[in-house]
Amino acid sequence: MSQEKVNHYKNQKSNRQKLERKQKNKRLLERLLFLSLALILMLWIGVSVYEKVTKTSLFASKAAATEIDATAIDDYLAELSATETEAEATAQ
């Protein structure tokens, strides 16, 4: 029984650095995850409070009416259709 304990202790001692490194990385990952969730929650609360105070939405898009002069496109399409009808007439 005591030889088993000695072997167990030797195995633990040889793997101690690996285990400590894994535990340290796991703790770091847990902390980063917690901090990121806390930051997201704080930002969400801050945006909600700001929107309620100012009665405006930060993410609402304001549509702007834009007028486009399409006469050049219409002229081009009319010219294309005229050349197509001319080509059809000459082909017959």
C-alpha atoms as a PDB file:
ATOM      1  CA  MET A   1       0.000   0.000   0.000  1.00  0.00           C
ATOM      2  CA  SER A   2       2.743   2.460   0.824  1.00  0.00           C
ATOM      3  CA  GLN A   3       4.476   1.817  -2.515  1.00  0.00           C
ATOM      4  CA  GLU A   4       1.228   2.761  -4.286  1.00  0.00           C
ATOM      5  CA  LYS A   5       1.137   5.992  -2.340  1.00  0.00           C
ATOM      6  CA  VAL A   6       4.738   6.741  -3.269  1.00  0.00           C
ATOM      7  CA  ASN A   7       4.046   6.071  -6.949  1.00  0.00           C
ATOM      8  CA  HIS A   8       0.937   8.233  -6.811  1.00  0.00           C
ATOM      9  CA  TYR A   9       2.912  11.066  -5.214  1.00  0.00           C
ATOM     10  CA  LYS A  10       5.630  10.791  -7.869  1.00  0.00           C
ATOM     11  CA  ASN A  11       3.070  10.951 -10.651  1.00  0.00           C
ATOM     12  CA  GLN A  12       1.459  14.004  -9.097  1.00  0.00           C
ATOM     13  CA  LYS A  13       4.805  15.677  -8.659  1.00  0.00           C
ATOM     14  CA  SER A  14       5.832  15.050 -12.255  1.00  0.00           C
ATOM     15  CA  ASN A  15       2.542  16.404 -13.610  1.00  0.00           C
ATOM     16  CA  ARG A  16       2.203  19.236 -11.119  1.00  0.00           C
ATOM     17  CA  GLN A  17       3.396  21.981 -13.491  1.00  0.00           C
ATOM     18  CA  LYS A  18       1.047  20.847 -16.245  1.00  0.00           C
ATOM     19  CA  LEU A  19      -1.886  20.708 -13.852  1.00  0.00           C
ATOM     20  CA  GLU A  20      -1.084  24.120 -12.387  1.00  0.00           C
ATOM     21  CA  ARG A  21      -0.810  25.617 -15.880  1.00  0.00           C
ATOM     22  CA  LYS A  22      -4.170  24.107 -16.878  1.00  0.00           C
ATOM     23  CA  GLN A  23      -5.813  25.417 -13.716  1.00  0.00           C
ATOM     24  CA  LYS A  24      -4.291  28.861 -14.243  1.00  0.00           C
ATOM     25  CA  ASN A  25      -5.527  28.984 -17.861  1.00  0.00           C
ATOM     26  CA  LYS A  26      -8.970  27.809 -16.777  1.00  0.00           C
ATOM     27  CA  ARG A  27      -9.189  30.535 -14.113  1.00  0.00           C
ATOM     28  CA  LEU A  28      -8.053  33.149 -16.646  1.00  0.00           C
ATOM     29  CA  LEU A  29     -10.676  32.011 -19.151  1.00  0.00           C
ATOM     30  CA  GLU A  30     -13.392  32.092 -16.490  1.00  0.00           C
ATOM     31  CA  ARG A  31     -12.396  35.615 -15.463  1.00  0.00           C
ATOM     32  CA  LEU A  32     -12.359  36.861 -19.054  1.00  0.00           C
ATOM     33  CA  LEU A  33     -15.758  35.327 -19.706  1.00  0.00           C
ATOM     34  CA  PHE A  34     -17.190  36.870 -16.552  1.00  0.00           C
ATOM     35  CA  LEU A  35     -15.725  40.287 -17.350  1.00  0.00           C
ATOM     36  CA  SER A  36     -17.002  40.229 -20.919  1.00  0.00           C
ATOM     37  CA  LEU A  37     -20.502  39.292 -19.762  1.00  0.00           C
ATOM     38  CA  ALA A  38     -20.404  42.020 -17.131  1.00  0.00           C
ATOM     39  CA  LEU A  39     -19.264  44.576 -19.722  1.00  0.00           C
ATOM     40  CA  ILE A  40     -22.036  43.581 -22.131  1.00  0.00           C
ATOM     41  CA  LEU A  41     -24.611  43.829 -19.346  1.00  0.00           C
ATOM     42  CA  MET A  42     -23.332  47.257 -18.288  1.00  0.00           C
ATOM     43  CA  LEU A  43     -23.401  48.547 -21.867  1.00  0.00           C
ATOM     44  CA  TRP A  44     -26.918  47.223 -22.375  1.00  0.00           C
ATOM     45  CA  ILE A  45     -28.128  48.935 -19.210  1.00  0.00           C
ATOM     46  CA  GLY A  46     -26.352  52.158 -20.197  1.00  0.00           C
ATOM     47  CA  VAL A  47     -27.918  52.229 -23.651  1.00  0.00           C
ATOM     48  CA  SER A  48     -31.356  51.490 -22.202  1.00  0.00           C
ATOM     49  CA  VAL A  49     -31.067  54.307 -19.674  1.00  0.00           C
ATOM     50  CA  TYR A  50     -29.781  56.733 -22.330  1.00  0.00           C
ATOM     51  CA  GLU A  51     -32.658  55.898 -24.675  1.00  0.00           C
ATOM     52  CA  LYS A  52     -35.207  56.382 -21.905  1.00  0.00           C
ATOM     53  CA  VAL A  53     -33.702  59.690 -20.851  1.00  0.00           C
ATOM     54  CA  THR A  54     -33.364  61.152 -24.339  1.00  0.00           C
ATOM     55  CA  LYS A  55     -36.454  59.413 -25.795  1.00  0.00           C
ATOM     56  CA  THR A  56     -34.447  58.508 -28.907  1.00  0.00           C
ATOM     57  CA  SER A  57     -32.979  55.278 -30.104  1.00  0.00           C
ATOM     58  CA  LEU A  58     -29.254  55.027 -30.756  1.00  0.00           C
ATOM     59  CA  PHE A  59     -29.705  52.288 -33.326  1.00  0.00           C
ATOM     60  CA  ALA A  60     -32.769  53.546 -35.207  1.00  0.00           C
ATOM     61  CA  SER A  61     -31.942  54.454 -38.760  1.00  0.00           C
ATOM     62  CA  LYS A  62     -33.288  57.708 -40.070  1.00  0.00           C
ATOM     63  CA  ALA A  63     -34.382  57.218 -43.646  1.00  0.00           C
ATOM     64  CA  ALA A  64     -33.560  60.099 -45.912  1.00  0.00           C
ATOM     65  CA  ALA A  65     -35.485  60.655 -49.115  1.00  0.00           C
ATOM     66  CA  THR A  66     -33.182  60.766 -52.106  1.00  0.00           C
ATOM     67  CA  GLU A  67     -34.325  61.779 -55.552  1.00  0.00           C
ATOM     68  CA  ILE A  68     -32.597  60.315 -58.565  1.00  0.00           C
ATOM     69  CA  ASP A  69     -32.803  61.694 -62.064  1.00  0.00           C
ATOM     70  CA  ALA A  70     -33.336  58.613 -64.229  1.00  0.00           C
ATOM     71  CA  THR A  71     -33.855  60.340 -67.574  1.00  0.00           C
ATOM     72  CA  ALA A  72     -30.457  59.197 -68.861  1.00  0.00           C
ATOM     73  CA  ILE A  73     -31.330  55.573 -68.131  1.00  0.00           C
ATOM     74  CA  ASP A  74     -34.750  55.949 -69.729  1.00  0.00           C
ATOM     75  CA  ASP A  75     -33.203  57.497 -72.852  1.00  0.00           C
ATOM     76  CA  TYR A  76     -30.652  54.696 -73.061  1.00  0.00           C
ATOM     77  CA  LEU A  77     -33.306  51.980 -72.735  1.00  0.00           C
ATOM     78  CA  ALA A  78     -35.490  53.685 -75.325  1.00  0.00           C
ATOM     79  CA  GLU A  79     -32.518  53.861 -77.690  1.00  0.00           C
ATOM     80  CA  LEU A  80     -31.791  50.158 -77.145  1.00  0.00           C
ATOM     81  CA  SER A  81     -35.369  49.151 -77.856  1.00  0.00           C
ATOM     82  CA  ALA A  82     -35.388  51.342 -80.980  1.00  0.00           C
ATOM     83  CA  THR A  83     -32.233  49.678 -82.298  1.00  0.00           C
ATOM     84  CA  GLU A  84     -33.711  46.241 -81.545  1.00  0.00           C
ATOM     85  CA  THR A  85     -36.867  47.009 -83.509  1.00  0.00           C
ATOM     86  CA  GLU A  86     -34.771  48.368 -86.384  1.00  0.00           C
ATOM     87  CA  ALA A  87     -32.642  45.200 -86.367  1.00  0.00           C
ATOM     88  CA  GLU A  88     -35.772  43.024 -86.397  1.00  0.00           C
ATOM     89  CA  ALA A  89     -37.284  45.052 -89.243  1.00  0.00           C
ATOM     90  CA  THR A  90     -34.152  44.739 -91.381  1.00  0.00           C
ATOM     91  CA  ALA A  91     -33.861  41.009 -90.648  1.00  0.00           C
ATOM     92  CA  GLN A  92     -37.344  40.318 -92.023  1.00  0.00           C
END
